[in-house]
Amino acid sequence: MSDTAAQERILVLGGGLMGLAMAHQLARRGRQVLVISRRRSEAAGFVAAGMLAPHAEGLQDELLQLGETSLERIPSWVAQIEADSSLPCGLRTSGIVVPFTDAGERDAYPTAALGQSLNRSQLEQEIPDLGEDWTTGLLFEQDGQIDNRRRLMRALERACVSLGVHFLEGAEVSKLAQDSDGALRGVLVRTAEGDEQVFETRAAVLCSGAWSRMLVPELPVFPVKGQMLSLQGPREALKRVIFGPGIYLVPREDGLVVVGATSEREAGFSEGLTPDGQKQLQTGIASLLPVAAGWPPMERWWGFRPCTPDEGPLLGPGPSSGLWLACGHHRNGVLLAAVTAQLLTAAISEEPLNSSDEALLRAFNWSRFAERDQPSTRQP
């Protein structure tokens, strides 16, 4: 590749959901893209439950607006991926039920006005075997889910390949190379064989999730560990997602139910399942849907959410000219992948944005933290 071609190529640093989403949108614009990934299996996109729930999760202010914007765009985004990959993504507008123990808690929920109030009888119609402690709830029919672990990630990868995206696997970006004026000119990569190589570029997108701060220390991104499991229930035993306090159950069409998730802010990057974490999930299952406690477990896993102090993502231009940020999505990475990829691709391509999209990019610019004390990588 010539020096000019190398500099025109866009590097995507991270091969998880956000990295694949960025690579796909950039390639659709005809850009040359190289995705550099250390180990894609550790990406949060392979770990998350796939809820599309800006309302059920009670998001507020600009984060709610960002989530709603992405939710509106997901059907067309998924259609693009399915057309480019010839694979299904598993998108379902299944609706999400948020149960409460009393009406006061329900009415105080940040997005209560955007949902349908349910009494106990109506709750039982939506969730026939719901635990007896839950007396009322909210139904958000506009929210849904996507099968990210088994379908979306696979479809995105194939879509990228079909559009000519290149991948460098088992490689770790160790350093950004900059000009004397601070502008990006490339990245230093350590390969699986231990070799070091410089990849020249004038544009790179940081999609390194919970590890983003290791490459760019100015960014206040830290890991929040989450443990999950899945159960095999009868087909259509659960038609709605249940989003309870500290626990959620996400049913797939074949009866598989994804259960999550712990939120371990003090765990850092400690790997592995823990007895306390698994007990917390089992207790939550017994409380929300007692019948599911008898369903056979299928898998157990863990991952690291990329969190920021205000739990909002970092989007747009980064600290160095030519470095773009698509990281820090916390528990909403699957929901926000569509809007993140579309907004950043338009900005990188210098395409005009409408006033609403411009406002969203401004709201989630990393500079909102620039004058604050930086948190540790364990807990702000």
Protein backbone atom coordinates (compact mmCIF):
# COMPACT_ATOMS: atom_id res chain seq x y z
CA MET A 1 0.00 0.00 0.00
CA SER A 2 1.36 3.44 -0.94
CA ASP A 3 2.03 6.08 1.71
CA THR A 4 -0.88 8.15 0.39
CA ALA A 5 -3.28 5.20 0.47
CA ALA A 6 -2.14 4.27 3.97
CA GLN A 7 -2.81 7.78 5.24
CA GLU A 8 -6.26 7.83 3.63
CA ARG A 9 -7.17 4.52 5.27
CA ILE A 10 -9.19 4.80 8.48
CA LEU A 11 -8.10 2.66 11.42
CA VAL A 12 -10.75 1.33 13.79
CA LEU A 13 -9.14 0.51 17.13
CA GLY A 14 -11.21 -2.31 18.59
CA GLY A 15 -13.18 -5.11 16.97
CA GLY A 16 -16.21 -5.31 19.23
CA LEU A 17 -19.73 -4.17 18.42
CA MET A 18 -18.84 -0.48 18.25
CA GLY A 19 -15.77 -1.14 16.12
CA LEU A 20 -17.70 -3.33 13.69
CA ALA A 21 -20.55 -0.82 13.52
CA MET A 22 -18.10 1.99 12.73
CA ALA A 23 -16.23 -0.08 10.14
CA HIS A 24 -19.48 -1.06 8.44
CA GLN A 25 -20.77 2.49 8.11
CA LEU A 26 -17.41 3.84 6.95
CA ALA A 27 -17.07 1.09 4.35
CA ARG A 28 -20.56 1.87 3.08
CA ARG A 29 -19.23 5.37 2.34
CA GLY A 30 -16.48 3.81 0.26
CA ARG A 31 -13.72 4.36 2.81
CA GLN A 32 -10.80 1.96 3.21
CA VAL A 33 -10.98 0.54 6.74
CA LEU A 34 -8.65 -1.59 8.85
CA VAL A 35 -9.98 -2.97 12.15
CA ILE A 36 -7.25 -3.70 14.70
CA SER A 37 -8.39 -6.03 17.46
CA ARG A 38 -6.60 -7.69 20.35
CA ARG A 39 -9.23 -10.29 21.24
CA ARG A 40 -12.77 -9.75 20.03
CA SER A 41 -14.20 -12.39 22.34
CA GLU A 42 -13.63 -10.04 25.31
CA ALA A 43 -15.71 -7.25 23.74
CA ALA A 44 -18.85 -6.18 25.58
CA GLY A 45 -20.88 -6.76 22.41
CA PHE A 46 -20.40 -10.51 22.86
CA VAL A 47 -21.43 -10.28 26.51
CA ALA A 48 -24.43 -7.92 26.63
CA ALA A 49 -28.05 -9.08 26.72
CA GLY A 50 -29.07 -6.96 23.74
CA MET A 51 -31.82 -4.85 25.31
CA LEU A 52 -32.95 -1.81 23.34
CA ALA A 53 -34.40 -0.01 26.31
CA PRO A 54 -33.98 3.76 26.60
CA HIS A 55 -37.37 4.01 28.30
CA ALA A 56 -37.34 0.84 30.41
CA GLU A 57 -33.89 1.72 31.78
CA GLY A 58 -35.12 5.15 32.85
CA LEU A 59 -32.57 7.16 30.86
CA GLN A 60 -32.80 10.92 31.26
CA ASP A 61 -32.02 14.19 29.48
CA GLU A 62 -29.53 14.03 26.57
CA LEU A 63 -28.85 10.33 27.15
CA LEU A 64 -32.55 9.56 26.74
CA GLN A 65 -32.61 11.66 23.56
CA LEU A 66 -29.57 9.81 22.23
CA GLY A 67 -31.18 6.47 23.07
CA GLU A 68 -34.50 7.38 21.49
CA THR A 69 -32.74 8.62 18.35
CA SER A 70 -30.85 5.34 18.06
CA LEU A 71 -33.98 3.28 18.73
CA GLU A 72 -35.72 5.04 15.83
CA ARG A 73 -32.80 4.33 13.49
CA ILE A 74 -32.12 0.73 14.46
CA PRO A 75 -34.63 -0.88 12.04
CA SER A 76 -33.06 0.77 8.97
CA TRP A 77 -29.55 0.13 10.35
CA VAL A 78 -30.35 -3.56 10.84
CA ALA A 79 -31.83 -3.71 7.33
CA GLN A 80 -28.51 -2.44 5.95
CA ILE A 81 -26.54 -5.05 7.88
CA GLU A 82 -28.85 -7.86 6.81
CA ALA A 83 -28.67 -6.74 3.18
CA ASP A 84 -24.86 -6.58 3.25
CA SER A 85 -24.43 -9.87 5.12
CA SER A 86 -27.41 -11.99 4.02
CA LEU A 87 -27.76 -12.94 7.69
CA PRO A 88 -30.52 -12.15 10.22
CA CYS A 89 -29.73 -9.91 13.20
CA GLY A 90 -32.50 -11.09 15.53
CA LEU A 91 -34.23 -7.73 16.04
CA ARG A 92 -37.50 -7.92 18.01
CA THR A 93 -39.82 -5.22 19.29
CA SER A 94 -40.94 -7.44 22.14
CA GLY A 95 -41.74 -4.70 24.64
CA ILE A 96 -40.29 -4.47 28.14
CA VAL A 97 -42.09 -4.69 31.50
CA VAL A 98 -40.63 -2.88 34.52
CA PRO A 99 -42.26 -4.21 37.74
CA PHE A 100 -42.54 -2.30 41.03
CA THR A 101 -43.60 -3.16 44.55
CA ASP A 102 -45.80 -0.07 44.92
CA ALA A 103 -47.37 2.69 42.84
CA GLY A 104 -45.19 5.38 44.39
CA GLU A 105 -42.04 3.81 43.00
CA ARG A 106 -43.71 3.36 39.63
CA ASP A 107 -44.86 6.97 39.38
CA ALA A 108 -41.44 8.28 40.43
CA TYR A 109 -39.66 6.37 37.66
CA PRO A 110 -37.92 8.86 35.33
CA THR A 111 -39.71 7.64 32.19
CA ALA A 112 -43.05 6.71 33.78
CA ALA A 113 -44.95 9.14 31.56
CA LEU A 114 -43.67 7.32 28.46
CA GLY A 115 -44.96 3.89 29.51
CA GLN A 116 -48.30 2.20 30.14
CA SER A 117 -49.18 1.71 33.82
CA LEU A 118 -50.13 -1.82 34.82
CA ASN A 119 -51.93 -3.10 37.92
CA ARG A 120 -51.28 -6.58 39.31
CA SER A 121 -53.90 -8.19 37.09
CA GLN A 122 -52.47 -6.54 33.98
CA LEU A 123 -48.95 -7.51 35.04
CA GLU A 124 -50.02 -11.14 35.23
CA GLN A 125 -51.44 -10.91 31.71
CA GLU A 126 -48.07 -9.73 30.42
CA ILE A 127 -45.93 -11.97 32.68
CA PRO A 128 -48.12 -14.90 33.85
CA ASP A 129 -45.62 -16.30 36.38
CA LEU A 130 -44.33 -13.01 37.80
CA GLY A 131 -43.21 -13.11 41.44
CA GLU A 132 -45.86 -12.19 44.02
CA ASP A 133 -43.96 -9.18 45.44
CA TRP A 134 -44.59 -7.10 42.31
CA THR A 135 -47.92 -5.28 42.52
CA THR A 136 -47.69 -2.78 39.66
CA GLY A 137 -45.52 -1.92 36.71
CA LEU A 138 -44.86 -0.09 33.47
CA LEU A 139 -45.01 -1.52 29.96
CA PHE A 140 -42.79 0.08 27.33
CA GLU A 141 -44.03 -1.46 24.10
CA GLN A 142 -41.68 0.73 22.04
CA ASP A 143 -38.57 -0.93 23.54
CA GLY A 144 -37.18 -4.25 22.38
CA GLN A 145 -34.13 -6.44 21.96
CA ILE A 146 -31.64 -7.82 19.47
CA ASP A 147 -29.77 -11.12 19.58
CA ASN A 148 -26.32 -9.57 19.66
CA ARG A 149 -24.33 -12.60 20.86
CA ARG A 150 -25.60 -15.14 18.34
CA ARG A 151 -26.69 -13.03 15.37
CA LEU A 152 -25.87 -9.31 15.26
CA MET A 153 -22.11 -9.64 15.83
CA ARG A 154 -21.82 -12.38 13.23
CA ALA A 155 -23.90 -10.45 10.70
CA LEU A 156 -21.90 -7.25 11.24
CA GLU A 157 -18.61 -9.07 10.75
CA ARG A 158 -19.79 -10.64 7.50
CA ALA A 159 -21.21 -7.31 6.30
CA CYS A 160 -17.83 -5.68 6.91
CA VAL A 161 -16.00 -8.41 5.01
CA SER A 162 -18.42 -8.14 2.09
CA LEU A 163 -17.66 -4.41 1.87
CA GLY A 164 -13.89 -4.90 1.84
CA VAL A 165 -13.02 -4.11 5.46
CA HIS A 166 -9.68 -5.60 6.51
CA PHE A 167 -8.98 -7.09 9.95
CA LEU A 168 -5.80 -7.43 11.99
CA GLU A 169 -6.51 -9.90 14.80
CA GLY A 170 -4.46 -10.67 17.89
CA ALA A 171 -2.80 -7.26 17.74
CA GLU A 172 -2.70 -4.60 20.43
CA VAL A 173 -2.40 -0.88 19.79
CA SER A 174 0.27 0.25 22.25
CA LYS A 175 0.69 3.91 21.33
CA LEU A 176 -0.62 6.72 19.16
CA ALA A 177 1.98 8.32 16.89
CA GLN A 178 1.62 12.09 16.56
CA ASP A 179 3.17 14.97 14.64
CA SER A 180 4.96 17.79 16.43
CA ASP A 181 1.67 19.70 16.46
CA GLY A 182 -0.15 16.80 18.13
CA ALA A 183 -2.03 15.59 15.06
CA LEU A 184 -2.43 11.85 14.59
CA ARG A 185 -0.11 10.28 12.03
CA GLY A 186 -0.41 6.60 12.91
CA VAL A 187 -0.53 3.93 15.60
CA LEU A 188 2.10 1.58 17.00
CA VAL A 189 0.84 -2.01 17.02
CA ARG A 190 2.25 -5.07 18.78
CA THR A 191 1.31 -8.24 16.91
CA ALA A 192 0.56 -11.68 18.33
CA GLU A 193 4.11 -12.70 17.40
CA GLY A 194 5.56 -9.87 19.47
CA ASP A 195 6.58 -7.71 16.53
CA GLU A 196 5.97 -3.97 16.53
CA GLN A 197 4.71 -2.14 13.48
CA VAL A 198 3.56 1.40 12.73
CA PHE A 199 0.36 1.80 10.72
CA GLU A 200 0.19 5.24 9.18
CA THR A 201 -3.11 7.09 9.12
CA ARG A 202 -4.61 10.52 9.52
CA ALA A 203 -7.86 9.22 11.02
CA ALA A 204 -8.57 6.58 13.65
CA VAL A 205 -11.67 5.73 15.69
CA LEU A 206 -11.15 4.59 19.28
CA CYS A 207 -13.60 1.75 19.98
CA SER A 208 -11.64 0.00 22.71
CA GLY A 209 -14.43 -0.14 25.27
CA ALA A 210 -13.37 -0.46 28.90
CA TRP A 211 -9.70 -0.45 27.82
CA SER A 212 -9.88 2.95 26.08
CA ARG A 213 -8.07 4.83 28.84
CA MET A 214 -5.05 2.59 28.55
CA LEU A 215 -4.38 4.14 25.15
CA VAL A 216 -5.66 7.67 25.84
CA PRO A 217 -5.14 8.47 29.56
CA GLU A 218 -7.15 11.70 29.35
CA LEU A 219 -10.37 9.75 28.88
CA PRO A 220 -12.36 8.99 32.09
CA VAL A 221 -13.37 5.47 31.07
CA PHE A 222 -13.28 2.66 33.64
CA PRO A 223 -14.57 -0.94 33.74
CA VAL A 224 -17.71 -2.12 35.51
CA LYS A 225 -17.74 -5.90 35.63
CA GLY A 226 -20.96 -7.74 34.87
CA GLN A 227 -21.73 -11.44 35.33
CA MET A 228 -24.54 -13.11 33.39
CA LEU A 229 -26.08 -16.47 32.63
CA SER A 230 -28.65 -18.02 30.33
CA LEU A 231 -31.47 -20.48 30.94
CA GLN A 232 -33.36 -22.71 28.53
CA GLY A 233 -37.06 -22.20 29.05
CA PRO A 234 -40.00 -23.52 27.04
CA ARG A 235 -40.51 -21.78 23.72
CA GLU A 236 -42.54 -18.58 24.23
CA ALA A 237 -42.73 -19.15 27.98
CA LEU A 238 -41.78 -15.49 28.35
CA LYS A 239 -42.89 -13.04 25.67
CA ARG A 240 -41.78 -9.76 27.24
CA VAL A 241 -38.42 -8.67 28.57
CA ILE A 242 -38.59 -8.14 32.36
CA PHE A 243 -36.40 -5.33 33.69
CA GLY A 244 -36.29 -5.43 37.48
CA PRO A 245 -34.03 -3.73 40.04
CA GLY A 246 -30.57 -5.19 39.51
CA ILE A 247 -31.87 -8.07 37.38
CA TYR A 248 -33.38 -8.55 33.94
CA LEU A 249 -34.62 -11.49 31.88
CA VAL A 250 -34.42 -11.28 28.09
CA PRO A 251 -36.26 -14.07 26.21
CA ARG A 252 -35.17 -15.20 22.75
CA GLU A 253 -37.56 -16.74 20.25
CA ASP A 254 -36.25 -20.27 20.85
CA GLY A 255 -36.92 -20.12 24.60
CA LEU A 256 -33.40 -19.18 25.68
CA VAL A 257 -33.51 -16.54 28.42
CA VAL A 258 -30.52 -14.28 29.01
CA VAL A 259 -30.22 -13.17 32.65
CA GLY A 260 -28.14 -10.25 33.87
CA ALA A 261 -26.37 -8.62 35.30
CA THR A 262 -24.21 -7.82 38.26
CA SER A 263 -22.68 -4.34 38.41
CA GLU A 264 -19.29 -4.64 40.10
CA ARG A 265 -17.62 -1.23 40.15
CA GLU A 266 -14.84 -2.31 42.49
CA ALA A 267 -13.81 -5.38 40.49
CA GLY A 268 -11.58 -3.59 38.00
CA PHE A 269 -10.47 -6.02 35.30
CA SER A 270 -10.61 -9.11 37.54
CA GLU A 271 -11.75 -12.00 35.38
CA GLY A 272 -13.97 -14.95 36.17
CA LEU A 273 -17.27 -15.81 37.78
CA THR A 274 -17.77 -15.43 41.52
CA PRO A 275 -20.11 -17.26 43.93
CA ASP A 276 -21.55 -13.94 45.15
CA GLY A 277 -22.25 -12.75 41.62
CA GLN A 278 -23.96 -15.97 40.58
CA LYS A 279 -25.98 -16.03 43.81
CA GLN A 280 -27.18 -12.49 43.11
CA LEU A 281 -28.46 -13.59 39.69
CA GLN A 282 -30.20 -16.68 41.10
CA THR A 283 -31.86 -14.58 43.82
CA GLY A 284 -33.08 -12.13 41.20
CA ILE A 285 -34.53 -14.91 39.05
CA ALA A 286 -36.40 -16.37 42.03
CA SER A 287 -37.85 -12.94 42.82
CA LEU A 288 -38.88 -11.91 39.31
CA LEU A 289 -39.95 -15.21 37.78
CA PRO A 290 -39.90 -18.09 40.31
CA VAL A 291 -40.75 -20.72 37.70
CA ALA A 292 -37.52 -19.89 35.84
CA ALA A 293 -35.45 -20.96 38.83
CA GLY A 294 -36.12 -24.54 37.70
CA TRP A 295 -35.07 -24.03 34.09
CA PRO A 296 -31.72 -25.60 33.17
CA PRO A 297 -28.74 -23.23 32.96
CA MET A 298 -27.00 -23.11 29.58
CA GLU A 299 -24.07 -20.69 29.88
CA ARG A 300 -22.41 -18.42 32.43
CA TRP A 301 -20.09 -15.57 31.48
CA TRP A 302 -18.76 -12.16 32.42
CA GLY A 303 -17.56 -8.96 30.77
CA PHE A 304 -16.56 -5.36 31.38
CA ARG A 305 -18.83 -2.41 30.64
CA PRO A 306 -16.98 0.77 29.60
CA CYS A 307 -18.31 3.40 32.01
CA THR A 308 -17.79 7.15 32.47
CA PRO A 309 -18.56 9.29 35.54
CA ASP A 310 -21.92 10.43 34.13
CA GLU A 311 -22.59 7.07 32.40
CA GLY A 312 -22.78 8.79 29.01
CA PRO A 313 -20.58 7.84 26.05
CA LEU A 314 -17.66 9.75 24.59
CA LEU A 315 -18.48 10.67 20.98
CA GLY A 316 -16.80 12.83 18.37
CA PRO A 317 -13.32 14.36 18.07
CA GLY A 318 -10.77 13.23 20.64
CA PRO A 319 -7.80 14.91 22.35
CA SER A 320 -5.64 14.59 19.21
CA SER A 321 -6.56 15.90 15.78
CA GLY A 322 -7.57 12.90 13.67
CA LEU A 323 -8.57 10.74 16.64
CA TRP A 324 -12.30 10.08 16.94
CA LEU A 325 -14.03 8.61 19.98
CA ALA A 326 -16.75 5.97 20.10
CA CYS A 327 -16.40 4.57 23.61
CA GLY A 328 -17.75 4.73 27.18
CA HIS A 329 -21.27 3.49 26.37
CA HIS A 330 -21.66 1.72 29.75
CA ARG A 331 -24.70 -0.59 29.64
CA ASN A 332 -26.17 0.94 26.48
CA GLY A 333 -23.65 -0.08 23.83
CA VAL A 334 -26.04 -2.28 21.86
CA LEU A 335 -28.75 0.38 21.95
CA LEU A 336 -26.40 3.19 20.93
CA ALA A 337 -24.35 1.40 18.26
CA ALA A 338 -26.56 2.58 15.40
CA VAL A 339 -26.61 6.27 16.27
CA THR A 340 -22.93 6.27 17.26
CA ALA A 341 -21.81 4.78 13.96
CA GLN A 342 -24.06 7.03 11.89
CA LEU A 343 -23.18 10.28 13.67
CA LEU A 344 -19.43 9.67 13.71
CA THR A 345 -19.28 8.42 10.14
CA ALA A 346 -21.07 11.57 8.99
CA ALA A 347 -18.74 13.76 11.03
CA ILE A 348 -15.60 11.98 9.81
CA SER A 349 -16.85 12.25 6.23
CA GLU A 350 -17.61 15.96 6.76
CA GLU A 351 -21.25 15.44 5.83
CA PRO A 352 -23.78 18.01 7.04
CA LEU A 353 -25.63 17.11 10.25
CA ASN A 354 -29.03 18.38 11.27
CA SER A 355 -29.22 20.57 14.36
CA SER A 356 -30.43 17.70 16.57
CA ASP A 357 -27.53 15.45 15.60
CA GLU A 358 -25.04 18.28 16.07
CA ALA A 359 -26.44 18.90 19.55
CA LEU A 360 -26.03 15.22 20.46
CA LEU A 361 -22.39 15.19 19.38
CA ARG A 362 -21.74 18.32 21.43
CA ALA A 363 -23.49 16.86 24.49
CA PHE A 364 -21.29 13.76 24.51
CA ASN A 365 -17.97 15.32 23.54
CA TRP A 366 -15.16 14.13 25.79
CA SER A 367 -14.32 17.75 26.68
CA ARG A 368 -17.19 17.80 29.19
CA PHE A 369 -14.73 16.04 31.52
CA ALA A 370 -11.60 17.92 30.46
CA GLU A 371 -11.57 20.30 33.45
CA ARG A 372 -12.64 17.75 36.04
CA ASP A 373 -10.46 15.56 38.19
CA GLN A 374 -9.99 12.24 36.45
CA PRO A 375 -11.33 9.13 38.24
CA SER A 376 -9.32 6.03 38.88
CA THR A 377 -9.95 3.06 36.62
CA ARG A 378 -11.81 1.37 39.47
CA GLN A 379 -14.44 3.83 40.66
CA PRO A 380 -15.06 7.57 40.28
